[in-house]
Amino acid sequence: MAKGILLVGFDYTNAHADEFHDWYDTEHVPERQRVPGFGLCERWISVANPKQAVATYDLDSLSVLQSAPYKAIAYENLSVWSKRVTAMCQRLIRFDGEQTLPGDADSPAGAGGLLVNAMNVDPAYEAEFNEWYDHEHIPALSAVPGVMSARRFRDPKGTHRYLALYHLATADVPLTEAWKTGASSAWTEKLRPHFQNHLRILARRYRRGA
């Protein structure tokens, strides 16, 4: 069974920052860490906008999100605190996806940065898009110094069908010449105009109090 990912992004500009982080750190993430089938649970803060936060949760499979332990703390059973805090935030994305590349690799521990690339694509170019991602783009960026992992996921039901997730030694990796070279090709430029609903967030690891 394919590995899964749960990724959630919020803009918490209209929330109280201290409460937002307290809620995530002392209730929301610990609740999910206790659910069987959840793996590494991490938080990230956007480099461009420190009021945008991303949380990533490795899953043994997407079926974990339909399990009784998860349903007991999610969906209609969200806590009063969860409902209060999230009502003050703008949700940028919720992505429940199955990993399509590479195999069943988990998130690496200890990454300093994360690049989120979520998008849809013009259906007329979808087959070529996947060929490009799997056979040119991911291999090229995987080889860039500082890239700890590069993975792809598919969510057929969410606002974004495709997600590429890059764990990085630091959030500066996508600013290097090596990255820019790896990310550039004639094939890339051909397909880029056909991306839809593109959401790109470059983030650094969240550290409480930092």
N, C-alpha and C. Protein backbone atom coordinates (compact mmCIF):
# COMPACT_ATOMS: atom_id res chain seq x y z
N MET A 1 0.85 -1.20 0.00
CA MET A 1 0.00 0.00 0.00
C MET A 1 0.88 1.25 0.00
N ALA A 2 0.48 2.24 -0.81
CA ALA A 2 1.30 3.45 -0.97
C ALA A 2 1.34 4.26 0.32
N LYS A 3 2.48 4.88 0.56
CA LYS A 3 2.61 5.83 1.66
C LYS A 3 1.70 7.03 1.40
N GLY A 4 1.35 7.74 2.47
CA GLY A 4 0.51 8.91 2.33
C GLY A 4 1.13 10.13 2.97
N ILE A 5 0.56 11.26 2.65
CA ILE A 5 0.98 12.53 3.27
C ILE A 5 -0.28 13.33 3.60
N LEU A 6 -0.28 13.97 4.73
CA LEU A 6 -1.26 15.00 5.06
C LEU A 6 -0.48 16.29 5.20
N LEU A 7 -0.81 17.27 4.38
CA LEU A 7 -0.13 18.57 4.40
C LEU A 7 -1.20 19.65 4.51
N VAL A 8 -1.01 20.54 5.49
CA VAL A 8 -1.96 21.63 5.70
C VAL A 8 -1.20 22.94 5.78
N GLY A 9 -1.68 23.94 5.07
CA GLY A 9 -1.08 25.26 5.11
C GLY A 9 -2.10 26.30 5.55
N PHE A 10 -1.69 27.18 6.47
CA PHE A 10 -2.55 28.25 6.97
C PHE A 10 -1.84 29.59 6.84
N ASP A 11 -2.62 30.62 6.57
CA ASP A 11 -2.21 32.00 6.80
C ASP A 11 -2.88 32.41 8.11
N TYR A 12 -2.06 32.69 9.14
CA TYR A 12 -2.63 32.99 10.46
C TYR A 12 -2.49 34.47 10.80
N THR A 13 -2.52 35.32 9.78
CA THR A 13 -2.42 36.77 9.98
C THR A 13 -3.47 37.28 10.96
N ASN A 14 -4.68 36.75 10.88
CA ASN A 14 -5.78 37.25 11.71
C ASN A 14 -5.94 36.50 13.03
N ALA A 15 -5.03 35.58 13.31
CA ALA A 15 -5.05 34.86 14.59
C ALA A 15 -4.02 35.48 15.53
N HIS A 16 -4.11 35.10 16.79
CA HIS A 16 -3.10 35.52 17.75
C HIS A 16 -1.91 34.56 17.62
N ALA A 17 -0.74 35.09 17.28
CA ALA A 17 0.41 34.23 16.97
C ALA A 17 0.75 33.30 18.12
N ASP A 18 0.76 33.82 19.34
CA ASP A 18 1.10 32.97 20.48
C ASP A 18 0.11 31.82 20.64
N GLU A 19 -1.15 32.13 20.48
CA GLU A 19 -2.16 31.09 20.63
C GLU A 19 -2.06 30.08 19.48
N PHE A 20 -1.85 30.56 18.28
CA PHE A 20 -1.72 29.67 17.13
C PHE A 20 -0.62 28.64 17.35
N HIS A 21 0.55 29.12 17.78
CA HIS A 21 1.67 28.19 17.99
C HIS A 21 1.44 27.31 19.21
N ASP A 22 0.84 27.85 20.28
CA ASP A 22 0.53 27.02 21.45
C ASP A 22 -0.43 25.90 21.08
N TRP A 23 -1.45 26.24 20.32
CA TRP A 23 -2.43 25.24 19.89
C TRP A 23 -1.76 24.13 19.08
N TYR A 24 -0.96 24.52 18.10
CA TYR A 24 -0.28 23.53 17.26
C TYR A 24 0.67 22.66 18.10
N ASP A 25 1.46 23.31 18.95
CA ASP A 25 2.54 22.60 19.65
C ASP A 25 2.04 21.75 20.82
N THR A 26 1.00 22.22 21.50
CA THR A 26 0.61 21.52 22.74
C THR A 26 -0.64 20.66 22.58
N GLU A 27 -1.41 20.88 21.51
CA GLU A 27 -2.60 20.05 21.31
C GLU A 27 -2.62 19.36 19.95
N HIS A 28 -2.59 20.14 18.88
CA HIS A 28 -2.91 19.60 17.56
C HIS A 28 -1.90 18.56 17.09
N VAL A 29 -0.62 18.91 17.08
CA VAL A 29 0.40 17.95 16.64
C VAL A 29 0.49 16.76 17.59
N PRO A 30 0.56 16.96 18.92
CA PRO A 30 0.63 15.79 19.82
C PRO A 30 -0.55 14.82 19.65
N GLU A 31 -1.75 15.35 19.41
CA GLU A 31 -2.89 14.46 19.17
C GLU A 31 -2.62 13.54 17.99
N ARG A 32 -2.09 14.09 16.93
CA ARG A 32 -1.86 13.30 15.72
C ARG A 32 -0.66 12.36 15.87
N GLN A 33 0.32 12.76 16.63
CA GLN A 33 1.45 11.87 16.87
C GLN A 33 1.04 10.59 17.59
N ARG A 34 -0.06 10.66 18.32
CA ARG A 34 -0.53 9.49 19.06
C ARG A 34 -1.39 8.55 18.21
N VAL A 35 -1.76 8.98 17.01
CA VAL A 35 -2.63 8.15 16.16
C VAL A 35 -1.79 7.08 15.46
N PRO A 36 -2.13 5.80 15.59
CA PRO A 36 -1.39 4.76 14.87
C PRO A 36 -1.40 5.01 13.36
N GLY A 37 -0.23 4.88 12.76
CA GLY A 37 -0.11 5.11 11.32
C GLY A 37 0.45 6.47 10.96
N PHE A 38 0.50 7.41 11.94
CA PHE A 38 1.17 8.68 11.69
C PHE A 38 2.67 8.49 11.93
N GLY A 39 3.48 9.07 11.05
CA GLY A 39 4.92 9.04 11.21
C GLY A 39 5.44 10.40 11.63
N LEU A 40 6.44 10.89 10.91
CA LEU A 40 7.05 12.17 11.24
C LEU A 40 6.04 13.30 11.08
N CYS A 41 5.90 14.12 12.11
CA CYS A 41 4.99 15.28 12.10
C CYS A 41 5.85 16.52 12.30
N GLU A 42 5.83 17.43 11.32
CA GLU A 42 6.73 18.59 11.37
C GLU A 42 5.99 19.87 11.00
N ARG A 43 6.54 20.98 11.50
CA ARG A 43 5.98 22.30 11.22
C ARG A 43 7.02 23.17 10.52
N TRP A 44 6.50 24.07 9.65
CA TRP A 44 7.35 24.91 8.81
C TRP A 44 6.75 26.30 8.72
N ILE A 45 7.62 27.30 8.56
CA ILE A 45 7.19 28.70 8.42
C ILE A 45 7.71 29.24 7.09
N SER A 46 6.83 29.88 6.34
CA SER A 46 7.19 30.43 5.03
C SER A 46 8.33 31.45 5.16
N VAL A 47 9.27 31.37 4.25
CA VAL A 47 10.37 32.33 4.20
C VAL A 47 9.85 33.70 3.75
N ALA A 48 8.98 33.71 2.77
CA ALA A 48 8.49 34.97 2.20
C ALA A 48 7.47 35.65 3.11
N ASN A 49 6.68 34.86 3.84
CA ASN A 49 5.63 35.42 4.69
C ASN A 49 5.58 34.64 5.99
N PRO A 50 6.16 35.16 7.06
CA PRO A 50 6.21 34.42 8.33
C PRO A 50 4.86 34.21 8.98
N LYS A 51 3.79 34.75 8.40
CA LYS A 51 2.44 34.48 8.89
C LYS A 51 1.80 33.30 8.15
N GLN A 52 2.57 32.63 7.31
CA GLN A 52 2.09 31.42 6.65
C GLN A 52 2.83 30.23 7.23
N ALA A 53 2.07 29.22 7.65
CA ALA A 53 2.64 28.04 8.30
C ALA A 53 2.16 26.79 7.59
N VAL A 54 3.05 25.80 7.55
CA VAL A 54 2.75 24.51 6.92
C VAL A 54 3.03 23.41 7.95
N ALA A 55 2.15 22.42 7.99
CA ALA A 55 2.39 21.23 8.80
C ALA A 55 2.36 20.01 7.89
N THR A 56 3.32 19.10 8.07
CA THR A 56 3.40 17.89 7.26
C THR A 56 3.35 16.67 8.18
N TYR A 57 2.58 15.69 7.75
CA TYR A 57 2.40 14.47 8.54
C TYR A 57 2.58 13.26 7.62
N ASP A 58 3.62 12.46 7.85
CA ASP A 58 3.79 11.22 7.11
C ASP A 58 2.75 10.20 7.57
N LEU A 59 2.19 9.46 6.63
CA LEU A 59 1.18 8.45 6.93
C LEU A 59 1.63 7.10 6.37
N ASP A 60 1.37 6.05 7.12
CA ASP A 60 1.64 4.71 6.59
C ASP A 60 0.85 4.47 5.32
N SER A 61 -0.36 5.01 5.26
CA SER A 61 -1.21 4.98 4.08
C SER A 61 -2.32 6.00 4.29
N LEU A 62 -3.03 6.35 3.23
CA LEU A 62 -4.13 7.31 3.36
C LEU A 62 -5.26 6.76 4.21
N SER A 63 -5.35 5.45 4.33
CA SER A 63 -6.42 4.86 5.12
C SER A 63 -6.35 5.27 6.59
N VAL A 64 -5.19 5.74 7.03
CA VAL A 64 -5.06 6.23 8.42
C VAL A 64 -6.06 7.34 8.69
N LEU A 65 -6.36 8.15 7.67
CA LEU A 65 -7.27 9.28 7.85
C LEU A 65 -8.73 8.83 7.98
N GLN A 66 -8.99 7.56 7.74
CA GLN A 66 -10.33 7.01 7.93
C GLN A 66 -10.39 6.09 9.14
N SER A 67 -9.32 6.02 9.89
CA SER A 67 -9.28 5.12 11.05
C SER A 67 -10.06 5.73 12.22
N ALA A 68 -10.50 4.87 13.12
CA ALA A 68 -11.26 5.33 14.29
C ALA A 68 -10.45 6.28 15.17
N PRO A 69 -9.15 6.00 15.44
CA PRO A 69 -8.39 6.94 16.28
C PRO A 69 -8.27 8.33 15.67
N TYR A 70 -8.12 8.41 14.33
CA TYR A 70 -8.03 9.73 13.71
C TYR A 70 -9.39 10.41 13.71
N LYS A 71 -10.43 9.69 13.36
CA LYS A 71 -11.77 10.30 13.34
C LYS A 71 -12.17 10.82 14.72
N ALA A 72 -11.62 10.23 15.77
CA ALA A 72 -11.97 10.67 17.12
C ALA A 72 -11.46 12.06 17.44
N ILE A 73 -10.45 12.55 16.68
CA ILE A 73 -9.87 13.87 16.95
C ILE A 73 -10.01 14.82 15.77
N ALA A 74 -10.62 14.38 14.68
CA ALA A 74 -10.65 15.18 13.45
C ALA A 74 -12.09 15.34 12.96
N TYR A 75 -12.20 16.03 11.80
CA TYR A 75 -13.49 16.21 11.16
C TYR A 75 -14.49 16.84 12.16
N GLU A 76 -15.65 16.22 12.34
CA GLU A 76 -16.64 16.81 13.25
C GLU A 76 -16.23 16.72 14.72
N ASN A 77 -15.18 15.97 15.00
CA ASN A 77 -14.71 15.82 16.38
C ASN A 77 -13.51 16.70 16.71
N LEU A 78 -13.23 17.68 15.87
CA LEU A 78 -12.18 18.64 16.21
C LEU A 78 -12.48 19.28 17.57
N SER A 79 -11.42 19.58 18.30
CA SER A 79 -11.60 20.17 19.61
C SER A 79 -12.15 21.60 19.51
N VAL A 80 -12.67 22.08 20.61
CA VAL A 80 -13.14 23.47 20.67
C VAL A 80 -12.01 24.43 20.34
N TRP A 81 -10.81 24.12 20.83
CA TRP A 81 -9.66 24.99 20.56
C TRP A 81 -9.32 24.98 19.08
N SER A 82 -9.35 23.80 18.47
CA SER A 82 -9.06 23.70 17.03
C SER A 82 -10.05 24.54 16.23
N LYS A 83 -11.32 24.44 16.58
CA LYS A 83 -12.34 25.21 15.84
C LYS A 83 -12.15 26.70 16.04
N ARG A 84 -11.76 27.10 17.24
CA ARG A 84 -11.56 28.52 17.51
C ARG A 84 -10.39 29.08 16.70
N VAL A 85 -9.25 28.37 16.73
CA VAL A 85 -8.05 28.87 16.07
C VAL A 85 -8.20 28.84 14.55
N THR A 86 -8.68 27.73 14.02
CA THR A 86 -8.76 27.63 12.55
C THR A 86 -9.78 28.59 11.97
N ALA A 87 -10.78 28.97 12.76
CA ALA A 87 -11.77 29.93 12.27
C ALA A 87 -11.14 31.30 12.04
N MET A 88 -10.02 31.57 12.70
CA MET A 88 -9.34 32.86 12.54
C MET A 88 -8.30 32.83 11.43
N CYS A 89 -8.08 31.65 10.84
CA CYS A 89 -7.02 31.48 9.84
C CYS A 89 -7.60 31.28 8.45
N GLN A 90 -6.81 31.60 7.45
CA GLN A 90 -7.15 31.29 6.07
C GLN A 90 -6.42 30.01 5.69
N ARG A 91 -7.16 28.99 5.30
CA ARG A 91 -6.50 27.76 4.89
C ARG A 91 -6.02 27.90 3.45
N LEU A 92 -4.73 27.72 3.25
CA LEU A 92 -4.12 27.82 1.93
C LEU A 92 -4.24 26.52 1.17
N ILE A 93 -4.14 25.41 1.88
CA ILE A 93 -4.21 24.10 1.25
C ILE A 93 -4.41 23.04 2.32
N ARG A 94 -5.16 22.03 1.98
CA ARG A 94 -5.15 20.75 2.70
C ARG A 94 -4.99 19.69 1.61
N PHE A 95 -3.94 18.93 1.73
CA PHE A 95 -3.60 17.92 0.72
C PHE A 95 -3.51 16.57 1.40
N ASP A 96 -4.40 15.65 1.03
CA ASP A 96 -4.36 14.27 1.51
C ASP A 96 -3.97 13.43 0.29
N GLY A 97 -2.71 13.02 0.21
CA GLY A 97 -2.26 12.38 -1.02
C GLY A 97 -1.51 11.09 -0.83
N GLU A 98 -1.52 10.28 -1.88
CA GLU A 98 -0.71 9.07 -1.93
C GLU A 98 0.60 9.36 -2.63
N GLN A 99 1.68 8.79 -2.11
CA GLN A 99 3.00 8.99 -2.70
C GLN A 99 3.10 8.19 -3.99
N THR A 100 3.54 8.87 -5.05
CA THR A 100 3.72 8.21 -6.34
C THR A 100 5.18 8.05 -6.72
N LEU A 101 6.05 8.82 -6.09
CA LEU A 101 7.49 8.77 -6.40
C LEU A 101 8.26 9.32 -5.20
N PRO A 102 9.33 8.67 -4.76
CA PRO A 102 9.85 7.38 -5.21
C PRO A 102 9.46 6.28 -4.22
N GLY A 103 8.81 5.28 -4.67
CA GLY A 103 8.51 4.12 -3.83
C GLY A 103 7.83 4.49 -2.53
N ASP A 104 8.35 3.93 -1.43
CA ASP A 104 7.72 4.15 -0.12
C ASP A 104 8.62 4.93 0.83
N ALA A 105 9.43 5.84 0.29
CA ALA A 105 10.34 6.63 1.11
C ALA A 105 9.58 7.53 2.08
N ASP A 106 10.09 7.63 3.31
CA ASP A 106 9.54 8.55 4.30
C ASP A 106 10.25 9.89 4.23
N SER A 107 9.70 10.88 4.92
CA SER A 107 10.39 12.17 5.05
C SER A 107 11.68 11.96 5.83
N PRO A 108 12.77 12.61 5.41
CA PRO A 108 14.01 12.51 6.18
C PRO A 108 13.93 13.38 7.43
N ALA A 109 14.49 12.90 8.50
CA ALA A 109 14.51 13.68 9.74
C ALA A 109 15.59 14.75 9.66
N GLY A 110 15.36 15.88 10.30
CA GLY A 110 16.39 16.89 10.45
C GLY A 110 16.53 17.89 9.33
N ALA A 111 15.59 17.95 8.40
CA ALA A 111 15.68 18.93 7.33
C ALA A 111 15.53 20.34 7.90
N GLY A 112 16.24 21.28 7.31
CA GLY A 112 16.14 22.67 7.75
C GLY A 112 15.18 23.48 6.92
N GLY A 113 14.81 22.96 5.74
CA GLY A 113 13.91 23.68 4.85
C GLY A 113 12.99 22.73 4.12
N LEU A 114 11.92 23.29 3.59
CA LEU A 114 10.93 22.52 2.85
C LEU A 114 10.42 23.38 1.70
N LEU A 115 10.33 22.77 0.52
CA LEU A 115 9.70 23.44 -0.61
C LEU A 115 8.44 22.67 -0.98
N VAL A 116 7.32 23.39 -0.97
CA VAL A 116 6.02 22.83 -1.32
C VAL A 116 5.66 23.35 -2.71
N ASN A 117 5.40 22.45 -3.64
CA ASN A 117 4.92 22.82 -4.97
C ASN A 117 3.65 22.03 -5.24
N ALA A 118 2.50 22.68 -5.13
CA ALA A 118 1.22 22.03 -5.37
C ALA A 118 0.57 22.68 -6.58
N MET A 119 -0.08 21.87 -7.40
CA MET A 119 -0.67 22.42 -8.62
C MET A 119 -1.63 21.45 -9.27
N ASN A 120 -2.37 21.97 -10.21
CA ASN A 120 -3.11 21.18 -11.18
C ASN A 120 -2.46 21.43 -12.54
N VAL A 121 -2.92 20.72 -13.53
CA VAL A 121 -2.35 20.88 -14.87
C VAL A 121 -3.46 20.72 -15.89
N ASP A 122 -3.34 21.42 -16.98
CA ASP A 122 -4.28 21.29 -18.10
C ASP A 122 -4.40 19.80 -18.46
N PRO A 123 -5.61 19.24 -18.42
CA PRO A 123 -5.75 17.81 -18.70
C PRO A 123 -5.14 17.37 -20.03
N ALA A 124 -5.09 18.26 -21.00
CA ALA A 124 -4.51 17.89 -22.30
C ALA A 124 -3.03 17.61 -22.20
N TYR A 125 -2.37 18.10 -21.13
CA TYR A 125 -0.93 17.93 -20.96
C TYR A 125 -0.59 17.04 -19.76
N GLU A 126 -1.60 16.42 -19.15
CA GLU A 126 -1.37 15.71 -17.89
C GLU A 126 -0.40 14.53 -18.04
N ALA A 127 -0.56 13.76 -19.08
CA ALA A 127 0.34 12.60 -19.28
C ALA A 127 1.77 13.07 -19.48
N GLU A 128 1.96 14.10 -20.28
CA GLU A 128 3.32 14.61 -20.51
C GLU A 128 3.87 15.25 -19.24
N PHE A 129 3.02 15.94 -18.50
CA PHE A 129 3.42 16.56 -17.23
C PHE A 129 4.00 15.51 -16.28
N ASN A 130 3.32 14.39 -16.15
CA ASN A 130 3.81 13.34 -15.25
C ASN A 130 5.09 12.69 -15.78
N GLU A 131 5.19 12.55 -17.06
CA GLU A 131 6.42 12.01 -17.65
C GLU A 131 7.60 12.95 -17.36
N TRP A 132 7.36 14.24 -17.55
CA TRP A 132 8.41 15.24 -17.28
C TRP A 132 8.81 15.25 -15.81
N TYR A 133 7.82 15.25 -14.92
CA TYR A 133 8.12 15.31 -13.49
C TYR A 133 8.92 14.09 -13.05
N ASP A 134 8.46 12.91 -13.47
CA ASP A 134 9.06 11.67 -12.98
C ASP A 134 10.43 11.39 -13.58
N HIS A 135 10.62 11.77 -14.84
CA HIS A 135 11.82 11.33 -15.55
C HIS A 135 12.84 12.44 -15.82
N GLU A 136 12.44 13.69 -15.63
CA GLU A 136 13.42 14.78 -15.78
C GLU A 136 13.51 15.64 -14.52
N HIS A 137 12.38 16.20 -14.10
CA HIS A 137 12.41 17.26 -13.09
C HIS A 137 12.85 16.75 -11.71
N ILE A 138 12.18 15.71 -11.22
CA ILE A 138 12.55 15.17 -9.90
C ILE A 138 13.98 14.62 -9.90
N PRO A 139 14.39 13.83 -10.89
CA PRO A 139 15.78 13.37 -10.89
C PRO A 139 16.80 14.51 -10.90
N ALA A 140 16.52 15.57 -11.67
CA ALA A 140 17.47 16.70 -11.74
C ALA A 140 17.57 17.41 -10.40
N LEU A 141 16.45 17.65 -9.74
CA LEU A 141 16.48 18.37 -8.47
C LEU A 141 16.97 17.48 -7.32
N SER A 142 16.74 16.19 -7.42
CA SER A 142 17.25 15.27 -6.40
C SER A 142 18.77 15.30 -6.33
N ALA A 143 19.40 15.62 -7.45
CA ALA A 143 20.87 15.62 -7.53
C ALA A 143 21.50 16.92 -7.05
N VAL A 144 20.69 17.93 -6.74
CA VAL A 144 21.22 19.23 -6.30
C VAL A 144 21.77 19.10 -4.88
N PRO A 145 22.98 19.59 -4.62
CA PRO A 145 23.50 19.55 -3.25
C PRO A 145 22.55 20.22 -2.26
N GLY A 146 22.30 19.54 -1.15
CA GLY A 146 21.41 20.08 -0.14
C GLY A 146 19.99 19.57 -0.21
N VAL A 147 19.65 18.86 -1.30
CA VAL A 147 18.32 18.25 -1.40
C VAL A 147 18.37 16.89 -0.72
N MET A 148 17.62 16.76 0.37
CA MET A 148 17.62 15.52 1.16
C MET A 148 16.62 14.50 0.62
N SER A 149 15.53 14.97 0.06
CA SER A 149 14.57 14.08 -0.60
C SER A 149 13.69 14.90 -1.52
N ALA A 150 13.19 14.24 -2.57
CA ALA A 150 12.26 14.85 -3.51
C ALA A 150 11.19 13.81 -3.82
N ARG A 151 9.95 14.13 -3.47
CA ARG A 151 8.88 13.15 -3.61
C ARG A 151 7.66 13.78 -4.27
N ARG A 152 6.84 12.92 -4.86
CA ARG A 152 5.60 13.36 -5.50
C ARG A 152 4.41 12.63 -4.89
N PHE A 153 3.28 13.35 -4.86
CA PHE A 153 2.04 12.81 -4.31
C PHE A 153 0.87 13.22 -5.20
N ARG A 154 -0.19 12.42 -5.13
CA ARG A 154 -1.41 12.72 -5.90
C ARG A 154 -2.61 12.70 -4.96
N ASP A 155 -3.46 13.72 -5.08
CA ASP A 155 -4.71 13.83 -4.31
C ASP A 155 -5.84 14.06 -5.31
N PRO A 156 -6.61 13.02 -5.65
CA PRO A 156 -7.64 13.19 -6.68
C PRO A 156 -8.85 13.99 -6.23
N LYS A 157 -8.98 14.27 -4.91
CA LYS A 157 -10.19 14.90 -4.40
C LYS A 157 -10.00 16.33 -3.93
N GLY A 158 -8.78 16.78 -3.73
CA GLY A 158 -8.53 18.09 -3.14
C GLY A 158 -8.49 19.21 -4.17
N THR A 159 -8.17 20.40 -3.68
CA THR A 159 -8.08 21.56 -4.56
C THR A 159 -6.87 21.49 -5.48
N HIS A 160 -5.84 20.75 -5.07
CA HIS A 160 -4.63 20.56 -5.87
C HIS A 160 -4.42 19.06 -6.06
N ARG A 161 -4.30 18.65 -7.30
CA ARG A 161 -4.18 17.21 -7.60
C ARG A 161 -2.76 16.70 -7.35
N TYR A 162 -1.76 17.55 -7.61
CA TYR A 162 -0.37 17.11 -7.53
C TYR A 162 0.41 17.92 -6.51
N LEU A 163 1.33 17.23 -5.83
CA LEU A 163 2.22 17.87 -4.87
C LEU A 163 3.62 17.31 -5.05
N ALA A 164 4.58 18.21 -5.16
CA ALA A 164 6.00 17.83 -5.08
C ALA A 164 6.54 18.43 -3.79
N LEU A 165 7.21 17.60 -3.01
CA LEU A 165 7.69 17.99 -1.69
C LEU A 165 9.19 17.74 -1.62
N TYR A 166 9.93 18.82 -1.33
CA TYR A 166 11.40 18.75 -1.28
C TYR A 166 11.86 19.07 0.14
N HIS A 167 12.49 18.11 0.78
CA HIS A 167 13.13 18.35 2.07
C HIS A 167 14.57 18.78 1.79
N LEU A 168 14.97 19.87 2.45
CA LEU A 168 16.23 20.54 2.13
C LEU A 168 17.10 20.69 3.37
N ALA A 169 18.39 20.68 3.17
CA ALA A 169 19.31 20.91 4.30
C ALA A 169 19.05 22.28 4.92
N THR A 170 18.83 23.28 4.08
CA THR A 170 18.45 24.62 4.52
C THR A 170 17.46 25.19 3.52
N ALA A 171 16.76 26.23 3.92
CA ALA A 171 15.80 26.86 3.02
C ALA A 171 16.48 27.66 1.91
N ASP A 172 17.81 27.78 1.95
CA ASP A 172 18.53 28.51 0.91
C ASP A 172 18.80 27.68 -0.33
N VAL A 173 18.59 26.38 -0.27
CA VAL A 173 18.97 25.51 -1.39
C VAL A 173 18.32 25.95 -2.71
N PRO A 174 17.02 26.30 -2.75
CA PRO A 174 16.43 26.70 -4.03
C PRO A 174 16.94 28.04 -4.57
N LEU A 175 17.77 28.73 -3.79
CA LEU A 175 18.35 30.00 -4.24
C LEU A 175 19.70 29.81 -4.89
N THR A 176 20.22 28.57 -4.89
CA THR A 176 21.56 28.31 -5.42
C THR A 176 21.53 28.17 -6.94
N GLU A 177 22.69 28.37 -7.54
CA GLU A 177 22.81 28.21 -8.99
C GLU A 177 22.57 26.76 -9.40
N ALA A 178 22.99 25.82 -8.56
CA ALA A 178 22.78 24.41 -8.88
C ALA A 178 21.30 24.09 -8.99
N TRP A 179 20.50 24.64 -8.07
CA TRP A 179 19.06 24.42 -8.14
C TRP A 179 18.48 25.06 -9.40
N LYS A 180 18.86 26.30 -9.65
CA LYS A 180 18.32 27.00 -10.82
C LYS A 180 18.65 26.26 -12.10
N THR A 181 19.85 25.70 -12.18
CA THR A 181 20.23 24.92 -13.35
C THR A 181 19.39 23.65 -13.45
N GLY A 182 19.22 22.96 -12.31
CA GLY A 182 18.45 21.72 -12.31
C GLY A 182 16.98 21.94 -12.64
N ALA A 183 16.46 23.10 -12.27
CA ALA A 183 15.04 23.38 -12.48
C ALA A 183 14.73 23.92 -13.87
N SER A 184 15.76 24.18 -14.66
CA SER A 184 15.56 24.82 -15.97
C SER A 184 15.80 23.83 -17.10
N SER A 185 14.89 23.80 -18.03
CA SER A 185 15.07 23.01 -19.26
C SER A 185 14.04 23.45 -20.27
N ALA A 186 14.24 23.08 -21.51
CA ALA A 186 13.27 23.41 -22.56
C ALA A 186 11.94 22.72 -22.28
N TRP A 187 12.00 21.50 -21.75
CA TRP A 187 10.77 20.76 -21.44
C TRP A 187 9.99 21.47 -20.33
N THR A 188 10.71 21.96 -19.33
CA THR A 188 10.07 22.71 -18.25
C THR A 188 9.35 23.93 -18.79
N GLU A 189 10.02 24.68 -19.63
CA GLU A 189 9.43 25.91 -20.16
C GLU A 189 8.24 25.61 -21.06
N LYS A 190 8.25 24.47 -21.71
CA LYS A 190 7.11 24.09 -22.55
C LYS A 190 5.87 23.83 -21.70
N LEU A 191 6.07 23.19 -20.54
CA LEU A 191 4.93 22.78 -19.73
C LEU A 191 4.46 23.83 -18.73
N ARG A 192 5.35 24.73 -18.34
CA ARG A 192 5.01 25.70 -17.30
C ARG A 192 3.72 26.47 -17.58
N PRO A 193 3.44 26.90 -18.82
CA PRO A 193 2.20 27.66 -19.06
C PRO A 193 0.93 26.85 -18.81
N HIS A 194 1.07 25.54 -18.66
CA HIS A 194 -0.10 24.69 -18.50
C HIS A 194 -0.34 24.29 -17.04
N PHE A 195 0.49 24.83 -16.12
CA PHE A 195 0.24 24.63 -14.70
C PHE A 195 -0.99 25.45 -14.31
N GLN A 196 -1.78 24.93 -13.38
CA GLN A 196 -2.97 25.63 -12.90
C GLN A 196 -3.00 25.60 -11.37
N ASN A 197 -3.52 26.69 -10.79
CA ASN A 197 -3.67 26.77 -9.31
C ASN A 197 -2.35 26.46 -8.61
N HIS A 198 -1.28 27.00 -9.13
CA HIS A 198 0.06 26.69 -8.61
C HIS A 198 0.27 27.37 -7.25
N LEU A 199 0.61 26.58 -6.25
CA LEU A 199 0.93 27.10 -4.92
C LEU A 199 2.36 26.67 -4.60
N ARG A 200 3.22 27.66 -4.39
CA ARG A 200 4.63 27.38 -4.07
C ARG A 200 4.96 28.06 -2.75
N ILE A 201 5.42 27.28 -1.78
CA ILE A 201 5.81 27.82 -0.49
C ILE A 201 7.20 27.28 -0.15
N LEU A 202 8.14 28.19 -0.01
CA LEU A 202 9.47 27.83 0.48
C LEU A 202 9.49 28.16 1.96
N ALA A 203 9.83 27.16 2.77
CA ALA A 203 9.70 27.34 4.22
C ALA A 203 10.94 26.87 4.96
N ARG A 204 11.13 27.43 6.13
CA ARG A 204 12.18 26.98 7.05
C ARG A 204 11.53 26.19 8.16
N ARG A 205 12.32 25.34 8.80
CA ARG A 205 11.78 24.58 9.92
C ARG A 205 11.31 25.51 11.03
N TYR A 206 10.13 25.23 11.55
CA TYR A 206 9.62 25.98 12.70
C TYR A 206 10.36 25.55 13.96
N ARG A 207 10.80 26.52 14.72
CA ARG A 207 11.38 26.27 16.04
C ARG A 207 10.68 27.15 17.05
N ARG A 208 10.14 26.54 18.05
CA ARG A 208 9.37 27.29 19.04
C ARG A 208 10.22 28.37 19.69
N GLY A 209 9.70 29.57 19.70
CA GLY A 209 10.41 30.69 20.32
C GLY A 209 11.41 31.37 19.42
N ALA A 210 11.63 30.80 18.22
CA ALA A 210 12.63 31.40 17.32
C ALA A 210 12.00 32.51 16.47
